[in-house]
Amino acid sequence: MNFSKIHRKIAPILLIPLLLTAVSGLAYRLGRSWFGLDDEFGELMMSLHEGRFLGDGLVPFYVLLMGLGLLGLLITGLVVFRKRRALSRNHPTQNWRRYHYMVALAAALPLLISLLTGIAYRLGVNWFGVSEESAEILLVIHQGAYLGSALKPFYVLGLGLSLLALIITGLQMLGVLRQWPSFSR
């Protein structure tokens, strides 16, 4: 099984939804925690984060597919990393690949925890009749709230920036950003 090909096939499909999820999750948490933005802003960001713009009935499917897609990217990426420890120094994407791997290794466990608890919360509430109060522990873990209210935004900031860094370095390795002068080095 060629995990590198699988990784390269999944990533472009999830590019826009992952970007939307990362940015809306960051905007929600930082907007609410640091800037005191109102409930209306929070609802808009959660609508984007969970895919509510598709309709309430599709939210659990969206969350499940996004989570499984990211899980697939994490697994295939880590397998590829293990197989490619010795990378060619002359390859034009070498530095971007290194950055991509470093961020992926640092963020893999927190991303895994966040995606699993996000999926479990949404599916539990929507499909399995778990009350929001009972499922609250999953959101506490998903958002890093167990770190306390002062550190929770930093946890989300770290996750969001890690995901954005993976998207940018992945696009650079695919050659999408090489035409842009500021990303060419």
N, C-alpha and C. Protein backbone atom coordinates (compact mmCIF):
# COMPACT_ATOMS: atom_id res chain seq x y z
N MET A 1 0.85 -1.18 0.00
CA MET A 1 0.00 0.00 0.00
C MET A 1 0.90 1.24 0.00
N ASN A 2 0.65 2.16 -0.90
CA ASN A 2 1.46 3.37 -1.01
C ASN A 2 0.80 4.50 -0.21
N PHE A 3 1.26 4.65 1.02
CA PHE A 3 0.67 5.65 1.92
C PHE A 3 0.92 7.07 1.44
N SER A 4 2.04 7.28 0.77
CA SER A 4 2.35 8.61 0.25
C SER A 4 1.30 9.04 -0.78
N LYS A 5 0.93 8.13 -1.68
CA LYS A 5 -0.09 8.45 -2.69
C LYS A 5 -1.45 8.69 -2.03
N ILE A 6 -1.78 7.88 -1.04
CA ILE A 6 -3.05 8.05 -0.33
C ILE A 6 -3.08 9.43 0.34
N HIS A 7 -1.98 9.77 0.99
CA HIS A 7 -1.87 11.06 1.68
C HIS A 7 -2.05 12.21 0.68
N ARG A 8 -1.39 12.11 -0.46
CA ARG A 8 -1.47 13.17 -1.48
C ARG A 8 -2.85 13.23 -2.14
N LYS A 9 -3.60 12.15 -2.11
CA LYS A 9 -4.96 12.16 -2.69
C LYS A 9 -5.97 12.73 -1.70
N ILE A 10 -5.83 12.42 -0.41
CA ILE A 10 -6.76 12.88 0.60
C ILE A 10 -6.59 14.38 0.86
N ALA A 11 -5.34 14.84 0.94
CA ALA A 11 -5.05 16.23 1.34
C ALA A 11 -5.76 17.28 0.48
N PRO A 12 -5.70 17.21 -0.86
CA PRO A 12 -6.38 18.26 -1.63
C PRO A 12 -7.90 18.25 -1.45
N ILE A 13 -8.46 17.09 -1.23
CA ILE A 13 -9.91 16.99 -1.02
C ILE A 13 -10.32 17.72 0.26
N LEU A 14 -9.48 17.62 1.28
CA LEU A 14 -9.80 18.21 2.58
C LEU A 14 -9.26 19.62 2.76
N LEU A 15 -8.55 20.14 1.76
CA LEU A 15 -7.90 21.43 1.89
C LEU A 15 -8.85 22.54 2.36
N ILE A 16 -9.88 22.81 1.62
CA ILE A 16 -10.80 23.91 1.95
C ILE A 16 -11.55 23.63 3.26
N PRO A 17 -12.13 22.43 3.43
CA PRO A 17 -12.83 22.18 4.71
C PRO A 17 -11.90 22.26 5.93
N LEU A 18 -10.66 21.76 5.81
CA LEU A 18 -9.73 21.85 6.94
C LEU A 18 -9.34 23.30 7.22
N LEU A 19 -9.13 24.06 6.17
CA LEU A 19 -8.81 25.47 6.32
C LEU A 19 -9.96 26.19 7.01
N LEU A 20 -11.17 25.92 6.58
CA LEU A 20 -12.36 26.52 7.18
C LEU A 20 -12.51 26.11 8.64
N THR A 21 -12.27 24.85 8.93
CA THR A 21 -12.37 24.35 10.29
C THR A 21 -11.32 24.99 11.19
N ALA A 22 -10.09 25.07 10.71
CA ALA A 22 -9.01 25.67 11.52
C ALA A 22 -9.27 27.14 11.79
N VAL A 23 -9.60 27.88 10.74
CA VAL A 23 -9.80 29.33 10.90
C VAL A 23 -11.03 29.62 11.77
N SER A 24 -12.12 28.91 11.55
CA SER A 24 -13.32 29.18 12.34
C SER A 24 -13.15 28.75 13.80
N GLY A 25 -12.44 27.65 14.04
CA GLY A 25 -12.16 27.22 15.42
C GLY A 25 -11.30 28.24 16.15
N LEU A 26 -10.27 28.73 15.44
CA LEU A 26 -9.42 29.78 16.02
C LEU A 26 -10.22 31.05 16.28
N ALA A 27 -10.98 31.48 15.29
CA ALA A 27 -11.76 32.72 15.43
C ALA A 27 -12.76 32.61 16.57
N TYR A 28 -13.40 31.45 16.69
CA TYR A 28 -14.38 31.26 17.76
C TYR A 28 -13.70 31.40 19.12
N ARG A 29 -12.68 30.57 19.35
CA ARG A 29 -12.07 30.54 20.68
C ARG A 29 -11.37 31.85 21.01
N LEU A 30 -10.57 32.39 20.11
CA LEU A 30 -9.85 33.62 20.40
C LEU A 30 -10.80 34.81 20.44
N GLY A 31 -11.78 34.82 19.55
CA GLY A 31 -12.76 35.90 19.54
C GLY A 31 -13.56 35.95 20.83
N ARG A 32 -13.95 34.80 21.31
CA ARG A 32 -14.75 34.74 22.54
C ARG A 32 -13.87 34.97 23.77
N SER A 33 -12.70 34.33 23.82
CA SER A 33 -11.87 34.40 25.03
C SER A 33 -11.10 35.71 25.17
N TRP A 34 -10.52 36.19 24.10
CA TRP A 34 -9.65 37.35 24.19
C TRP A 34 -10.31 38.66 23.78
N PHE A 35 -11.28 38.59 22.91
CA PHE A 35 -11.86 39.82 22.37
C PHE A 35 -13.31 40.03 22.80
N GLY A 36 -13.86 39.10 23.57
CA GLY A 36 -15.20 39.25 24.10
C GLY A 36 -16.29 39.37 23.03
N LEU A 37 -16.08 38.73 21.90
CA LEU A 37 -17.07 38.82 20.82
C LEU A 37 -18.35 38.12 21.24
N ASP A 38 -19.47 38.57 20.72
CA ASP A 38 -20.79 38.16 21.18
C ASP A 38 -21.20 36.76 20.71
N ASP A 39 -22.35 36.33 21.21
CA ASP A 39 -22.89 35.01 20.90
C ASP A 39 -23.19 34.86 19.41
N GLU A 40 -23.61 35.93 18.76
CA GLU A 40 -23.92 35.88 17.34
C GLU A 40 -22.66 35.52 16.53
N PHE A 41 -21.55 36.14 16.88
CA PHE A 41 -20.27 35.82 16.23
C PHE A 41 -19.90 34.35 16.51
N GLY A 42 -20.07 33.94 17.76
CA GLY A 42 -19.78 32.56 18.15
C GLY A 42 -20.60 31.56 17.36
N GLU A 43 -21.87 31.85 17.19
CA GLU A 43 -22.75 30.96 16.42
C GLU A 43 -22.33 30.87 14.96
N LEU A 44 -21.94 32.00 14.39
CA LEU A 44 -21.48 32.01 13.01
C LEU A 44 -20.22 31.15 12.86
N MET A 45 -19.27 31.31 13.78
CA MET A 45 -18.03 30.53 13.70
C MET A 45 -18.29 29.04 13.92
N MET A 46 -19.19 28.71 14.83
CA MET A 46 -19.51 27.30 15.05
C MET A 46 -20.25 26.71 13.86
N SER A 47 -21.03 27.54 13.19
CA SER A 47 -21.72 27.09 11.98
C SER A 47 -20.70 26.69 10.92
N LEU A 48 -19.66 27.48 10.79
CA LEU A 48 -18.60 27.15 9.84
C LEU A 48 -17.76 25.97 10.32
N HIS A 49 -17.45 25.95 11.61
CA HIS A 49 -16.60 24.91 12.19
C HIS A 49 -17.21 23.52 12.08
N GLU A 50 -18.51 23.44 12.30
CA GLU A 50 -19.20 22.14 12.29
C GLU A 50 -19.91 21.83 10.99
N GLY A 51 -19.90 22.75 10.05
CA GLY A 51 -20.58 22.51 8.78
C GLY A 51 -22.08 22.70 8.84
N ARG A 52 -22.57 23.51 9.77
CA ARG A 52 -24.01 23.76 9.87
C ARG A 52 -24.58 24.43 8.63
N PHE A 53 -23.73 25.07 7.85
CA PHE A 53 -24.18 25.72 6.61
C PHE A 53 -24.71 24.69 5.62
N LEU A 54 -24.43 23.41 5.83
CA LEU A 54 -24.95 22.34 4.99
C LEU A 54 -26.35 21.91 5.41
N GLY A 55 -26.77 22.36 6.58
CA GLY A 55 -28.05 21.94 7.16
C GLY A 55 -27.80 21.12 8.41
N ASP A 56 -28.66 21.26 9.39
CA ASP A 56 -28.46 20.59 10.68
C ASP A 56 -28.35 19.07 10.56
N GLY A 57 -29.10 18.49 9.63
CA GLY A 57 -29.06 17.03 9.48
C GLY A 57 -27.73 16.51 8.98
N LEU A 58 -26.97 17.35 8.29
CA LEU A 58 -25.68 16.91 7.74
C LEU A 58 -24.49 17.20 8.66
N VAL A 59 -24.70 17.92 9.75
CA VAL A 59 -23.61 18.27 10.66
C VAL A 59 -22.85 17.03 11.15
N PRO A 60 -23.54 16.01 11.68
CA PRO A 60 -22.76 14.85 12.16
C PRO A 60 -21.98 14.16 11.04
N PHE A 61 -22.54 14.13 9.83
CA PHE A 61 -21.83 13.52 8.71
C PHE A 61 -20.59 14.33 8.35
N TYR A 62 -20.75 15.65 8.33
CA TYR A 62 -19.64 16.54 8.03
C TYR A 62 -18.52 16.37 9.06
N VAL A 63 -18.90 16.40 10.34
CA VAL A 63 -17.91 16.26 11.42
C VAL A 63 -17.23 14.90 11.33
N LEU A 64 -18.00 13.85 11.09
CA LEU A 64 -17.43 12.51 10.98
C LEU A 64 -16.47 12.41 9.79
N LEU A 65 -16.89 12.89 8.63
CA LEU A 65 -16.04 12.80 7.45
C LEU A 65 -14.79 13.66 7.59
N MET A 66 -14.94 14.85 8.14
CA MET A 66 -13.76 15.70 8.37
C MET A 66 -12.80 15.04 9.35
N GLY A 67 -13.34 14.52 10.43
CA GLY A 67 -12.51 13.86 11.44
C GLY A 67 -11.81 12.63 10.89
N LEU A 68 -12.55 11.81 10.16
CA LEU A 68 -11.93 10.61 9.58
C LEU A 68 -10.90 10.98 8.52
N GLY A 69 -11.17 12.05 7.76
CA GLY A 69 -10.20 12.52 6.77
C GLY A 69 -8.92 12.98 7.43
N LEU A 70 -9.04 13.78 8.49
CA LEU A 70 -7.86 14.24 9.21
C LEU A 70 -7.13 13.07 9.86
N LEU A 71 -7.89 12.12 10.40
CA LEU A 71 -7.28 10.93 10.97
C LEU A 71 -6.50 10.17 9.90
N GLY A 72 -7.08 10.04 8.72
CA GLY A 72 -6.38 9.40 7.60
C GLY A 72 -5.10 10.13 7.24
N LEU A 73 -5.16 11.46 7.22
CA LEU A 73 -3.96 12.24 6.92
C LEU A 73 -2.90 12.05 8.00
N LEU A 74 -3.31 12.03 9.27
CA LEU A 74 -2.34 11.82 10.35
C LEU A 74 -1.67 10.45 10.24
N ILE A 75 -2.47 9.43 10.03
CA ILE A 75 -1.93 8.06 9.96
C ILE A 75 -1.02 7.90 8.75
N THR A 76 -1.51 8.28 7.57
CA THR A 76 -0.69 8.09 6.37
C THR A 76 0.56 8.97 6.43
N GLY A 77 0.44 10.18 6.96
CA GLY A 77 1.60 11.06 7.08
C GLY A 77 2.66 10.50 8.01
N LEU A 78 2.23 9.95 9.14
CA LEU A 78 3.20 9.38 10.08
C LEU A 78 3.86 8.12 9.52
N VAL A 79 3.10 7.32 8.77
CA VAL A 79 3.68 6.13 8.13
C VAL A 79 4.71 6.55 7.09
N VAL A 80 4.37 7.56 6.29
CA VAL A 80 5.31 8.06 5.28
C VAL A 80 6.56 8.60 5.96
N PHE A 81 6.39 9.31 7.05
CA PHE A 81 7.53 9.87 7.77
C PHE A 81 8.47 8.76 8.24
N ARG A 82 7.92 7.71 8.79
CA ARG A 82 8.76 6.60 9.27
C ARG A 82 9.54 5.96 8.13
N LYS A 83 8.94 5.92 6.95
CA LYS A 83 9.60 5.28 5.81
C LYS A 83 10.61 6.18 5.13
N ARG A 84 10.48 7.49 5.33
CA ARG A 84 11.34 8.43 4.62
C ARG A 84 12.21 9.25 5.56
N ARG A 85 12.84 8.63 6.49
CA ARG A 85 13.69 9.40 7.40
C ARG A 85 14.86 10.04 6.68
N ALA A 86 15.46 9.30 5.75
CA ALA A 86 16.58 9.83 4.98
C ALA A 86 16.03 10.47 3.71
N LEU A 87 15.89 11.78 3.74
CA LEU A 87 15.34 12.51 2.61
C LEU A 87 16.46 13.13 1.79
N SER A 88 16.28 13.22 0.50
CA SER A 88 17.26 13.79 -0.40
C SER A 88 17.50 15.27 -0.07
N ARG A 89 18.75 15.65 0.07
CA ARG A 89 19.10 17.04 0.38
C ARG A 89 18.88 17.96 -0.82
N ASN A 90 18.90 17.43 -2.03
CA ASN A 90 18.79 18.26 -3.23
C ASN A 90 17.36 18.45 -3.70
N HIS A 91 16.43 17.82 -3.07
CA HIS A 91 15.03 17.91 -3.49
C HIS A 91 14.51 19.32 -3.19
N PRO A 92 13.83 19.97 -4.15
CA PRO A 92 13.38 21.35 -3.94
C PRO A 92 12.38 21.53 -2.80
N THR A 93 11.68 20.48 -2.43
CA THR A 93 10.69 20.60 -1.35
C THR A 93 11.25 20.12 -0.02
N GLN A 94 12.55 19.84 0.03
CA GLN A 94 13.16 19.24 1.21
C GLN A 94 12.89 20.04 2.50
N ASN A 95 13.16 21.34 2.48
CA ASN A 95 12.96 22.13 3.69
C ASN A 95 11.49 22.18 4.10
N TRP A 96 10.60 22.34 3.12
CA TRP A 96 9.17 22.35 3.43
C TRP A 96 8.73 21.02 3.98
N ARG A 97 9.26 19.95 3.44
CA ARG A 97 8.93 18.60 3.93
C ARG A 97 9.38 18.46 5.38
N ARG A 98 10.57 18.94 5.69
CA ARG A 98 11.06 18.88 7.07
C ARG A 98 10.15 19.66 8.02
N TYR A 99 9.78 20.88 7.62
CA TYR A 99 8.88 21.68 8.45
C TYR A 99 7.56 20.95 8.64
N HIS A 100 7.05 20.39 7.54
CA HIS A 100 5.78 19.66 7.57
C HIS A 100 5.86 18.50 8.57
N TYR A 101 6.93 17.74 8.49
CA TYR A 101 7.10 16.59 9.40
C TYR A 101 7.25 17.04 10.85
N MET A 102 8.03 18.11 11.06
CA MET A 102 8.24 18.57 12.44
C MET A 102 6.93 19.02 13.07
N VAL A 103 6.15 19.79 12.32
CA VAL A 103 4.86 20.26 12.85
C VAL A 103 3.93 19.07 13.06
N ALA A 104 3.91 18.15 12.10
CA ALA A 104 3.03 16.98 12.21
C ALA A 104 3.38 16.14 13.44
N LEU A 105 4.65 15.94 13.67
CA LEU A 105 5.05 15.14 14.84
C LEU A 105 4.67 15.85 16.14
N ALA A 106 4.88 17.16 16.20
CA ALA A 106 4.56 17.91 17.41
C ALA A 106 3.06 17.97 17.67
N ALA A 107 2.27 18.06 16.59
CA ALA A 107 0.83 18.27 16.74
C ALA A 107 0.00 17.00 16.64
N ALA A 108 0.61 15.88 16.29
CA ALA A 108 -0.16 14.66 16.03
C ALA A 108 -1.05 14.25 17.21
N LEU A 109 -0.50 14.17 18.39
CA LEU A 109 -1.29 13.71 19.54
C LEU A 109 -2.39 14.71 19.91
N PRO A 110 -2.10 16.01 20.05
CA PRO A 110 -3.20 16.94 20.34
C PRO A 110 -4.26 16.97 19.25
N LEU A 111 -3.85 16.91 17.98
CA LEU A 111 -4.84 16.88 16.89
C LEU A 111 -5.69 15.62 16.97
N LEU A 112 -5.05 14.49 17.24
CA LEU A 112 -5.78 13.23 17.36
C LEU A 112 -6.81 13.31 18.49
N ILE A 113 -6.39 13.80 19.63
CA ILE A 113 -7.31 13.92 20.78
C ILE A 113 -8.46 14.87 20.44
N SER A 114 -8.14 16.00 19.83
CA SER A 114 -9.17 16.98 19.51
C SER A 114 -10.15 16.44 18.47
N LEU A 115 -9.65 15.77 17.45
CA LEU A 115 -10.57 15.27 16.42
C LEU A 115 -11.42 14.13 16.96
N LEU A 116 -10.87 13.25 17.77
CA LEU A 116 -11.67 12.15 18.32
C LEU A 116 -12.74 12.64 19.28
N THR A 117 -12.40 13.60 20.13
CA THR A 117 -13.39 14.12 21.07
C THR A 117 -14.44 14.97 20.36
N GLY A 118 -14.04 15.69 19.31
CA GLY A 118 -15.01 16.46 18.53
C GLY A 118 -16.01 15.56 17.83
N ILE A 119 -15.50 14.48 17.24
CA ILE A 119 -16.39 13.51 16.59
C ILE A 119 -17.31 12.85 17.63
N ALA A 120 -16.73 12.41 18.73
CA ALA A 120 -17.52 11.72 19.76
C ALA A 120 -18.61 12.62 20.32
N TYR A 121 -18.28 13.90 20.54
CA TYR A 121 -19.29 14.82 21.04
C TYR A 121 -20.45 14.96 20.05
N ARG A 122 -20.11 15.29 18.81
CA ARG A 122 -21.16 15.56 17.83
C ARG A 122 -22.00 14.32 17.55
N LEU A 123 -21.37 13.16 17.37
CA LEU A 123 -22.14 11.94 17.09
C LEU A 123 -22.92 11.49 18.31
N GLY A 124 -22.32 11.64 19.49
CA GLY A 124 -23.02 11.27 20.72
C GLY A 124 -24.30 12.06 20.91
N VAL A 125 -24.22 13.36 20.72
CA VAL A 125 -25.39 14.23 20.90
C VAL A 125 -26.41 14.01 19.78
N ASN A 126 -25.94 13.93 18.53
CA ASN A 126 -26.88 13.86 17.41
C ASN A 126 -27.43 12.46 17.13
N TRP A 127 -26.62 11.45 17.25
CA TRP A 127 -27.04 10.11 16.83
C TRP A 127 -27.33 9.15 17.98
N PHE A 128 -26.69 9.35 19.11
CA PHE A 128 -26.82 8.36 20.18
C PHE A 128 -27.57 8.87 21.39
N GLY A 129 -28.18 10.04 21.28
CA GLY A 129 -29.03 10.55 22.34
C GLY A 129 -28.33 10.94 23.62
N VAL A 130 -27.04 11.18 23.57
CA VAL A 130 -26.31 11.62 24.75
C VAL A 130 -26.65 13.10 24.97
N SER A 131 -26.98 13.44 26.20
CA SER A 131 -27.32 14.83 26.49
C SER A 131 -26.07 15.70 26.36
N GLU A 132 -26.29 16.97 26.03
CA GLU A 132 -25.16 17.89 25.91
C GLU A 132 -24.41 18.01 27.23
N GLU A 133 -25.13 17.93 28.33
CA GLU A 133 -24.49 18.01 29.65
C GLU A 133 -23.58 16.81 29.89
N SER A 134 -24.04 15.62 29.50
CA SER A 134 -23.22 14.42 29.67
C SER A 134 -22.02 14.42 28.74
N ALA A 135 -22.19 14.98 27.56
CA ALA A 135 -21.12 15.00 26.57
C ALA A 135 -20.16 16.17 26.77
N GLU A 136 -20.46 17.03 27.73
CA GLU A 136 -19.65 18.23 27.97
C GLU A 136 -18.17 17.90 28.20
N ILE A 137 -17.88 16.78 28.84
CA ILE A 137 -16.49 16.39 29.09
C ILE A 137 -15.71 16.25 27.79
N LEU A 138 -16.40 15.82 26.74
CA LEU A 138 -15.74 15.69 25.44
C LEU A 138 -15.35 17.06 24.88
N LEU A 139 -16.21 18.06 25.08
CA LEU A 139 -15.87 19.42 24.65
C LEU A 139 -14.74 20.01 25.49
N VAL A 140 -14.73 19.67 26.77
CA VAL A 140 -13.66 20.14 27.64
C VAL A 140 -12.31 19.64 27.11
N ILE A 141 -12.27 18.38 26.72
CA ILE A 141 -11.04 17.81 26.16
C ILE A 141 -10.77 18.39 24.77
N HIS A 142 -11.79 18.46 23.93
CA HIS A 142 -11.67 18.97 22.56
C HIS A 142 -11.03 20.37 22.54
N GLN A 143 -11.45 21.22 23.46
CA GLN A 143 -10.99 22.61 23.49
C GLN A 143 -9.80 22.84 24.41
N GLY A 144 -9.36 21.81 25.12
CA GLY A 144 -8.26 22.00 26.06
C GLY A 144 -8.67 22.78 27.29
N ALA A 145 -9.98 22.77 27.62
CA ALA A 145 -10.47 23.52 28.77
C ALA A 145 -9.95 22.97 30.09
N TYR A 146 -9.50 21.73 30.11
CA TYR A 146 -8.93 21.13 31.32
C TYR A 146 -7.65 21.86 31.73
N LEU A 147 -7.09 22.66 30.83
CA LEU A 147 -5.88 23.43 31.14
C LEU A 147 -6.21 24.72 31.88
N GLY A 148 -7.50 25.04 31.97
CA GLY A 148 -7.94 26.26 32.62
C GLY A 148 -8.29 27.32 31.59
N SER A 149 -9.07 28.30 32.03
CA SER A 149 -9.56 29.31 31.10
C SER A 149 -8.44 30.18 30.53
N ALA A 150 -7.36 30.36 31.25
CA ALA A 150 -6.25 31.18 30.75
C ALA A 150 -5.47 30.46 29.66
N LEU A 151 -5.32 29.16 29.76
CA LEU A 151 -4.51 28.40 28.80
C LEU A 151 -5.31 27.82 27.63
N LYS A 152 -6.63 27.70 27.81
CA LYS A 152 -7.46 27.13 26.75
C LYS A 152 -7.28 27.83 25.41
N PRO A 153 -7.29 29.16 25.35
CA PRO A 153 -7.09 29.81 24.04
C PRO A 153 -5.72 29.50 23.43
N PHE A 154 -4.71 29.34 24.26
CA PHE A 154 -3.37 29.03 23.75
C PHE A 154 -3.31 27.62 23.18
N TYR A 155 -4.05 26.71 23.81
CA TYR A 155 -4.14 25.34 23.30
C TYR A 155 -4.80 25.34 21.91
N VAL A 156 -5.91 26.05 21.79
CA VAL A 156 -6.61 26.14 20.51
C VAL A 156 -5.74 26.86 19.49
N LEU A 157 -5.06 27.91 19.92
CA LEU A 157 -4.16 28.64 19.04
C LEU A 157 -3.06 27.71 18.51
N GLY A 158 -2.49 26.90 19.38
CA GLY A 158 -1.47 25.95 18.96
C GLY A 158 -1.99 24.93 17.96
N LEU A 159 -3.18 24.39 18.24
CA LEU A 159 -3.78 23.43 17.31
C LEU A 159 -4.10 24.06 15.97
N GLY A 160 -4.73 25.23 16.02
CA GLY A 160 -5.12 25.91 14.78
C GLY A 160 -3.92 26.31 13.94
N LEU A 161 -2.91 26.89 14.58
CA LEU A 161 -1.71 27.28 13.84
C LEU A 161 -0.95 26.06 13.30
N SER A 162 -0.97 24.97 14.05
CA SER A 162 -0.34 23.74 13.56
C SER A 162 -1.04 23.24 12.30
N LEU A 163 -2.35 23.23 12.34
CA LEU A 163 -3.11 22.78 11.18
C LEU A 163 -2.88 23.71 9.98
N LEU A 164 -2.85 25.01 10.23
CA LEU A 164 -2.56 25.96 9.15
C LEU A 164 -1.14 25.78 8.61
N ALA A 165 -0.19 25.52 9.48
CA ALA A 165 1.19 25.28 9.04
C ALA A 165 1.27 24.01 8.20
N LEU A 166 0.54 22.98 8.58
CA LEU A 166 0.53 21.74 7.79
C LEU A 166 -0.09 21.99 6.42
N ILE A 167 -1.13 22.80 6.38
CA ILE A 167 -1.77 23.12 5.09
C ILE A 167 -0.80 23.90 4.20
N ILE A 168 -0.15 24.91 4.76
CA ILE A 168 0.77 25.73 3.97
C ILE A 168 1.97 24.94 3.49
N THR A 169 2.58 24.17 4.37
CA THR A 169 3.75 23.38 3.95
C THR A 169 3.34 22.29 2.97
N GLY A 170 2.17 21.72 3.15
CA GLY A 170 1.68 20.71 2.20
C GLY A 170 1.45 21.31 0.83
N LEU A 171 0.85 22.49 0.78
CA LEU A 171 0.64 23.16 -0.49
C LEU A 171 1.98 23.50 -1.15
N GLN A 172 2.94 23.90 -0.35
CA GLN A 172 4.26 24.22 -0.90
C GLN A 172 4.92 22.97 -1.50
N MET A 173 4.80 21.84 -0.81
CA MET A 173 5.39 20.60 -1.33
C MET A 173 4.70 20.16 -2.62
N LEU A 174 3.41 20.44 -2.74
CA LEU A 174 2.69 20.09 -3.96
C LEU A 174 2.98 21.06 -5.10
N GLY A 175 3.65 22.16 -4.77
CA GLY A 175 4.01 23.14 -5.79
C GLY A 175 2.98 24.23 -6.00
N VAL A 176 1.91 24.20 -5.22
CA VAL A 176 0.84 25.18 -5.39
C VAL A 176 1.33 26.59 -5.06
N LEU A 177 2.15 26.71 -4.04
CA LEU A 177 2.58 28.04 -3.59
C LEU A 177 3.91 28.48 -4.19
N ARG A 178 4.56 27.64 -4.96
CA ARG A 178 5.89 28.00 -5.48
C ARG A 178 5.87 29.18 -6.43
N GLN A 179 4.72 29.46 -7.04
CA GLN A 179 4.62 30.59 -7.95
C GLN A 179 4.58 31.92 -7.19
N TRP A 180 4.22 31.89 -5.92
CA TRP A 180 4.13 33.10 -5.12
C TRP A 180 5.51 33.44 -4.58
N PRO A 181 6.04 34.64 -4.87
CA PRO A 181 7.40 34.99 -4.47
C PRO A 181 7.68 34.87 -2.99
N SER A 182 6.73 35.25 -2.13
CA SER A 182 6.98 35.21 -0.69
C SER A 182 7.08 33.79 -0.15
N PHE A 183 6.60 32.79 -0.90
CA PHE A 183 6.67 31.41 -0.44
C PHE A 183 7.74 30.61 -1.18
N SER A 184 8.50 31.24 -2.07
CA SER A 184 9.39 30.48 -2.94
C SER A 184 10.67 30.03 -2.26
N ARG A 185 11.01 30.54 -1.11
CA ARG A 185 12.26 30.13 -0.46
C ARG A 185 12.03 29.26 0.73
